[in-house]
Amino acid sequence: MAEILLLLVAVVWGTSYGLAKEAVLLYPVLGFLAARFCLTFLILSPAAWRELRRHPRLALSTALPLGGLLLAIFLCETWGVAHTSAANAAFLISLCVVLTPFAEWLLLKQAPSRTAFVAAGISLCGTALLTGSIHLQLNLGDGLMLAAAALRALFVCMTRRLTADQPISTLGLTGLQTGVVGLGCLILAGLQPTPLPALPASSVFWGIVAYMVLFCTLFAFFAQNWAIRRSGPSRAALLTGSEPLWGALFAMAWLGEAMTPQAVLGGLLILGASLWAALPERRPLAASPAAG
């Protein structure tokens, strides 16, 4: 179930790029992110408040660092995409599948299996083919996307580390995290020299916001938090690392973009690596007791 949920998270997040691109044409990025996460927090506020009353110290010590990491990830991705090509952004963010096994090794003292490293390499090659020509210049945009990939790897490992065997509920944790991100976006927007304009009345904008709140935030972050507590960080990164494939398929269906044979091959490699990661892990059989 954990692996299935993580694949669904990748599918949902893959659809978010094209929709978010339309939304930020109607409203500034920080305002859009604030609306998305503040509305999610309002929906989950009963669960968040209940968790704060039950385990105040644990809830804050878990939600604040994880929410801060999420805020940093979204800021790096948002500004990174604005300063580099879409192909570079997709390729660099996919590096999280390669970085996560090393982060897991360093932070959790758990050496990932060889399968995790091989599958990560296959997924990375698939992303390179899917995104086409990659011309890395290590400019500001590329650096921010690389930072976002490293932060994603850190996030899944820290989620595992801070929530393992803890009584905090996944729903309450998700609510508190989204509150941290939403508040952070509002504070940053308030520090801008130009204040945010009035919220648009466009039905398209609010339709996108509703989809992002219900599926890309509420469902996706709850499912990710729940699944990471039951699956290894490297497996989680591999499954959510199939996001570029679903994004390309959505762009083809929604925006009418074409996929070259090279991109199709890259997509198949990503899908194969993700399905490989979803297979149950083999566990060594217990030695049978010696006779007599």
Protein backbone atom coordinates (compact mmCIF):
# COMPACT_ATOMS: atom_id res chain seq x y z
CA MET A 1 0.00 0.00 0.00
CA ALA A 2 2.86 2.42 0.80
CA GLU A 3 4.43 1.91 -2.63
CA ILE A 4 1.07 2.30 -4.41
CA LEU A 5 0.39 5.55 -2.58
CA LEU A 6 3.83 6.91 -3.48
CA LEU A 7 3.23 6.13 -7.15
CA LEU A 8 -0.10 7.97 -6.94
CA VAL A 9 1.70 10.92 -5.34
CA ALA A 10 4.11 11.01 -8.30
CA VAL A 11 1.19 10.93 -10.76
CA VAL A 12 -0.60 13.79 -8.97
CA TRP A 13 2.55 15.89 -8.64
CA GLY A 14 3.31 15.29 -12.30
CA THR A 15 0.03 17.03 -13.22
CA SER A 16 0.82 20.00 -10.98
CA TYR A 17 3.47 21.58 -13.22
CA GLY A 18 1.20 22.40 -16.12
CA LEU A 19 -1.59 23.64 -13.86
CA ALA A 20 0.70 25.74 -11.67
CA LYS A 21 2.17 27.30 -14.81
CA GLU A 22 -1.32 28.52 -15.72
CA ALA A 23 -2.07 29.72 -12.18
CA VAL A 24 1.04 31.90 -11.80
CA LEU A 25 0.08 33.72 -14.99
CA LEU A 26 -2.96 34.97 -13.06
CA TYR A 27 -1.37 35.63 -9.67
CA PRO A 28 2.17 36.00 -8.19
CA VAL A 29 4.01 32.84 -7.17
CA LEU A 30 4.21 33.55 -3.43
CA GLY A 31 0.52 34.50 -3.32
CA PHE A 32 -0.45 31.34 -5.17
CA LEU A 33 1.63 29.15 -2.82
CA ALA A 34 0.21 30.97 0.21
CA ALA A 35 -3.35 30.39 -0.99
CA ARG A 36 -2.64 26.73 -1.68
CA PHE A 37 -1.06 25.93 1.68
CA CYS A 38 -3.16 28.20 3.89
CA LEU A 39 -6.37 26.67 2.53
CA THR A 40 -4.96 23.19 3.14
CA PHE A 41 -4.07 24.18 6.69
CA LEU A 42 -7.60 25.46 7.31
CA ILE A 43 -9.02 22.10 6.22
CA LEU A 44 -6.62 20.20 8.47
CA SER A 45 -6.64 22.68 11.37
CA PRO A 46 -8.81 20.45 13.64
CA ALA A 47 -6.32 17.59 13.30
CA ALA A 48 -3.37 19.96 13.71
CA TRP A 49 -4.86 21.56 16.84
CA ARG A 50 -5.70 18.15 18.32
CA GLU A 51 -2.09 17.05 17.80
CA LEU A 52 -0.78 20.23 19.42
CA ARG A 53 -2.94 19.59 22.49
CA ARG A 54 -1.98 15.91 22.77
CA HIS A 55 1.77 16.16 22.08
CA PRO A 56 2.73 19.85 22.01
CA ARG A 57 6.50 19.43 22.25
CA LEU A 58 6.67 16.47 19.85
CA ALA A 59 4.32 18.11 17.34
CA LEU A 60 6.35 21.32 17.19
CA SER A 61 9.76 19.62 17.19
CA THR A 62 8.61 17.49 14.24
CA ALA A 63 6.46 19.87 12.20
CA LEU A 64 8.67 22.97 12.38
CA PRO A 65 11.84 21.47 10.83
CA LEU A 66 9.89 19.40 8.28
CA GLY A 67 7.68 22.36 7.37
CA GLY A 68 10.76 24.55 7.07
CA LEU A 69 12.35 22.03 4.71
CA LEU A 70 9.17 21.95 2.61
CA LEU A 71 9.14 25.74 2.40
CA ALA A 72 12.79 25.77 1.30
CA ILE A 73 12.07 23.10 -1.34
CA PHE A 74 9.17 25.03 -2.83
CA LEU A 75 11.11 28.31 -2.86
CA CYS A 76 14.14 26.71 -4.54
CA GLU A 77 11.96 24.98 -7.13
CA THR A 78 9.87 28.09 -7.83
CA TRP A 79 12.76 30.47 -8.32
CA GLY A 80 14.93 27.80 -9.93
CA VAL A 81 12.43 27.10 -12.69
CA ALA A 82 12.26 30.84 -13.38
CA HIS A 83 16.03 31.00 -14.03
CA THR A 84 16.71 27.82 -16.01
CA SER A 85 15.18 25.74 -18.77
CA ALA A 86 12.37 23.28 -18.12
CA ALA A 87 14.60 20.43 -19.30
CA ASN A 88 17.36 21.38 -16.86
CA ALA A 89 14.85 21.78 -14.03
CA ALA A 90 13.30 18.34 -14.58
CA PHE A 91 16.68 16.66 -14.86
CA LEU A 92 18.20 18.35 -11.81
CA ILE A 93 15.20 17.75 -9.53
CA SER A 94 15.34 14.06 -10.46
CA LEU A 95 18.81 13.89 -8.91
CA CYS A 96 17.00 13.44 -5.58
CA VAL A 97 16.61 9.73 -6.45
CA VAL A 98 20.41 9.45 -6.59
CA LEU A 99 21.08 11.63 -3.55
CA THR A 100 18.52 9.96 -1.27
CA PRO A 101 20.38 6.63 -0.79
CA PHE A 102 23.46 8.56 0.34
CA ALA A 103 21.37 10.78 2.64
CA GLU A 104 19.75 7.65 4.08
CA TRP A 105 23.17 6.15 4.65
CA LEU A 106 24.46 9.32 6.33
CA LEU A 107 21.44 10.30 8.45
CA LEU A 108 19.80 6.95 9.22
CA LYS A 109 22.94 4.78 9.22
CA GLN A 110 21.20 2.37 6.84
CA ALA A 111 23.11 1.26 3.78
CA PRO A 112 20.64 1.01 0.86
CA SER A 113 20.61 -2.13 -1.24
CA ARG A 114 22.43 -2.37 -4.57
CA THR A 115 19.02 -2.47 -6.21
CA ALA A 116 18.28 1.04 -4.95
CA PHE A 117 21.46 2.43 -6.52
CA VAL A 118 20.92 0.61 -9.84
CA ALA A 119 17.27 1.67 -10.04
CA ALA A 120 18.26 5.27 -9.22
CA GLY A 121 20.78 5.25 -12.07
CA ILE A 122 18.20 3.86 -14.50
CA SER A 123 15.66 6.48 -13.44
CA LEU A 124 18.22 9.26 -13.90
CA CYS A 125 19.11 8.04 -17.41
CA GLY A 126 15.42 7.88 -18.24
CA THR A 127 14.91 11.46 -17.07
CA ALA A 128 17.83 12.63 -19.21
CA LEU A 129 16.23 11.02 -22.27
CA LEU A 130 12.76 12.29 -21.38
CA THR A 131 13.82 15.90 -20.96
CA GLY A 132 15.87 15.94 -24.17
CA SER A 133 18.99 18.01 -24.56
CA ILE A 134 20.56 18.95 -21.22
CA HIS A 135 22.91 21.94 -21.14
CA LEU A 136 23.99 22.48 -17.56
CA GLN A 137 25.63 25.86 -16.99
CA LEU A 138 25.60 25.84 -13.19
CA ASN A 139 23.91 29.24 -13.17
CA LEU A 140 21.59 30.49 -10.42
CA GLY A 141 18.61 28.49 -11.69
CA ASP A 142 20.55 25.25 -12.01
CA GLY A 143 22.05 25.78 -8.56
CA LEU A 144 18.61 26.30 -6.99
CA MET A 145 17.19 23.17 -8.64
CA LEU A 146 20.17 21.16 -7.44
CA ALA A 147 19.59 22.55 -3.94
CA ALA A 148 15.91 21.54 -4.22
CA ALA A 149 16.93 17.98 -5.14
CA ALA A 150 19.27 17.78 -2.14
CA LEU A 151 16.56 19.19 0.12
CA ARG A 152 14.07 16.60 -1.15
CA ALA A 153 16.52 13.84 -0.27
CA LEU A 154 17.05 15.39 3.16
CA PHE A 155 13.29 15.79 3.66
CA VAL A 156 12.35 12.14 3.12
CA CYS A 157 15.15 10.99 5.42
CA MET A 158 14.30 13.51 8.13
CA THR A 159 10.61 12.54 7.90
CA ARG A 160 11.60 8.93 8.52
CA ARG A 161 13.97 9.89 11.32
CA LEU A 162 11.62 12.25 13.18
CA THR A 163 8.42 10.20 12.86
CA ALA A 164 9.64 6.62 13.29
CA ASP A 165 7.96 4.99 16.31
CA GLN A 166 6.44 8.32 17.36
CA PRO A 167 2.78 8.72 18.45
CA ILE A 168 2.18 11.82 16.30
CA SER A 169 -0.63 11.31 13.77
CA THR A 170 0.10 11.62 10.06
CA LEU A 171 -2.95 13.83 9.49
CA GLY A 172 -2.00 16.23 12.28
CA LEU A 173 1.61 16.35 11.07
CA THR A 174 0.48 17.13 7.53
CA GLY A 175 -1.72 19.96 8.78
CA LEU A 176 1.07 21.50 10.84
CA GLN A 177 3.54 21.25 7.95
CA THR A 178 1.21 23.00 5.53
CA GLY A 179 0.63 25.71 8.14
CA VAL A 180 4.36 26.35 8.38
CA VAL A 181 4.68 26.59 4.58
CA GLY A 182 1.62 28.83 4.21
CA LEU A 183 2.73 31.18 6.99
CA GLY A 184 6.25 31.30 5.57
CA CYS A 185 4.93 32.28 2.13
CA LEU A 186 2.78 35.04 3.65
CA ILE A 187 5.74 36.44 5.61
CA LEU A 188 7.99 36.41 2.53
CA ALA A 189 5.26 38.01 0.42
CA GLY A 190 4.89 40.72 3.07
CA LEU A 191 8.62 41.46 2.87
CA GLN A 192 8.41 42.12 -0.87
CA PRO A 193 8.57 45.81 -1.91
CA THR A 194 5.34 45.40 -3.89
CA PRO A 195 2.36 44.04 -1.90
CA LEU A 196 0.29 41.20 -3.27
CA PRO A 197 -2.66 42.30 -5.43
CA ALA A 198 -6.22 41.35 -4.63
CA LEU A 199 -7.04 37.70 -5.20
CA PRO A 200 -8.29 37.08 -8.75
CA ALA A 201 -11.95 36.29 -9.38
CA SER A 202 -11.07 33.90 -12.23
CA SER A 203 -12.85 30.55 -12.02
CA VAL A 204 -9.84 28.97 -13.76
CA PHE A 205 -7.50 30.18 -11.00
CA TRP A 206 -9.72 28.92 -8.19
CA GLY A 207 -10.33 25.64 -9.99
CA ILE A 208 -6.57 25.08 -10.15
CA VAL A 209 -6.19 26.11 -6.49
CA ALA A 210 -8.92 23.64 -5.48
CA TYR A 211 -7.21 20.81 -7.38
CA MET A 212 -3.80 21.69 -5.91
CA VAL A 213 -5.22 21.86 -2.37
CA LEU A 214 -7.24 18.64 -2.49
CA PHE A 215 -4.92 16.43 -4.54
CA CYS A 216 -1.41 17.89 -4.82
CA THR A 217 -1.22 19.03 -1.18
CA LEU A 218 -3.84 17.43 1.06
CA PHE A 219 -3.71 13.94 -0.46
CA ALA A 220 -0.11 13.98 -1.66
CA PHE A 221 1.56 15.19 1.53
CA PHE A 222 -0.59 13.00 3.75
CA ALA A 223 0.15 9.96 1.55
CA GLN A 224 3.86 10.78 1.43
CA ASN A 225 4.12 11.24 5.20
CA TRP A 226 2.17 8.02 5.80
CA ALA A 227 4.17 6.00 3.28
CA ILE A 228 7.62 7.22 4.33
CA ARG A 229 6.90 6.02 7.87
CA ARG A 230 6.34 2.52 6.42
CA SER A 231 8.82 2.41 3.53
CA GLY A 232 12.49 3.25 3.17
CA PRO A 233 13.49 6.75 2.01
CA SER A 234 15.34 5.41 -1.05
CA ARG A 235 12.30 3.46 -2.22
CA ALA A 236 10.12 6.50 -1.59
CA ALA A 237 12.43 8.74 -3.64
CA LEU A 238 12.48 6.26 -6.52
CA LEU A 239 8.70 6.07 -6.67
CA THR A 240 8.07 9.80 -6.38
CA GLY A 241 11.01 10.29 -8.77
CA SER A 242 8.76 9.07 -11.60
CA GLU A 243 7.13 12.51 -11.41
CA PRO A 244 8.77 13.80 -14.68
CA LEU A 245 7.18 10.93 -16.62
CA TRP A 246 3.66 11.73 -15.43
CA GLY A 247 4.31 15.42 -15.99
CA ALA A 248 5.28 14.74 -19.61
CA LEU A 249 2.22 12.56 -20.17
CA PHE A 250 -0.02 15.23 -18.67
CA ALA A 251 1.59 17.92 -20.83
CA MET A 252 0.97 15.75 -23.88
CA ALA A 253 -2.69 15.21 -22.97
CA TRP A 254 -3.50 18.65 -21.50
CA LEU A 255 -1.22 21.00 -23.44
CA GLY A 256 -0.95 19.04 -26.68
CA GLU A 257 2.84 18.61 -26.45
CA ALA A 258 4.39 15.81 -28.51
CA MET A 259 6.75 13.12 -27.21
CA THR A 260 9.70 12.01 -29.32
CA PRO A 261 10.79 8.34 -29.49
CA GLN A 262 13.72 9.32 -27.26
CA ALA A 263 11.33 10.74 -24.67
CA VAL A 264 9.15 7.62 -24.83
CA LEU A 265 12.22 5.45 -24.17
CA GLY A 266 13.18 7.68 -21.23
CA GLY A 267 9.66 7.44 -19.84
CA LEU A 268 9.74 3.65 -20.03
CA LEU A 269 13.05 3.57 -18.15
CA ILE A 270 11.61 5.78 -15.39
CA LEU A 271 8.49 3.65 -15.17
CA GLY A 272 10.54 0.45 -15.08
CA ALA A 273 12.76 1.77 -12.28
CA SER A 274 9.72 2.88 -10.28
CA LEU A 275 7.93 -0.44 -10.67
CA TRP A 276 11.14 -2.24 -9.71
CA ALA A 277 11.28 -0.14 -6.54
CA ALA A 278 7.64 -1.02 -5.83
CA LEU A 279 8.38 -4.76 -5.74
CA PRO A 280 8.40 -6.25 -2.24
CA GLU A 281 11.85 -6.32 -0.70
CA ARG A 282 13.40 -9.74 -0.36
CA ARG A 283 14.13 -10.62 3.20
CA PRO A 284 16.60 -13.34 4.17
CA LEU A 285 14.95 -16.53 5.34
CA ALA A 286 15.43 -17.35 8.97
CA ALA A 287 17.85 -20.20 9.51
CA SER A 288 16.08 -23.41 10.49
CA PRO A 289 17.08 -24.79 13.88
CA ALA A 290 19.64 -27.53 13.78
CA ALA A 291 18.30 -31.01 14.26
CA GLY A 292 19.09 -32.79 17.53
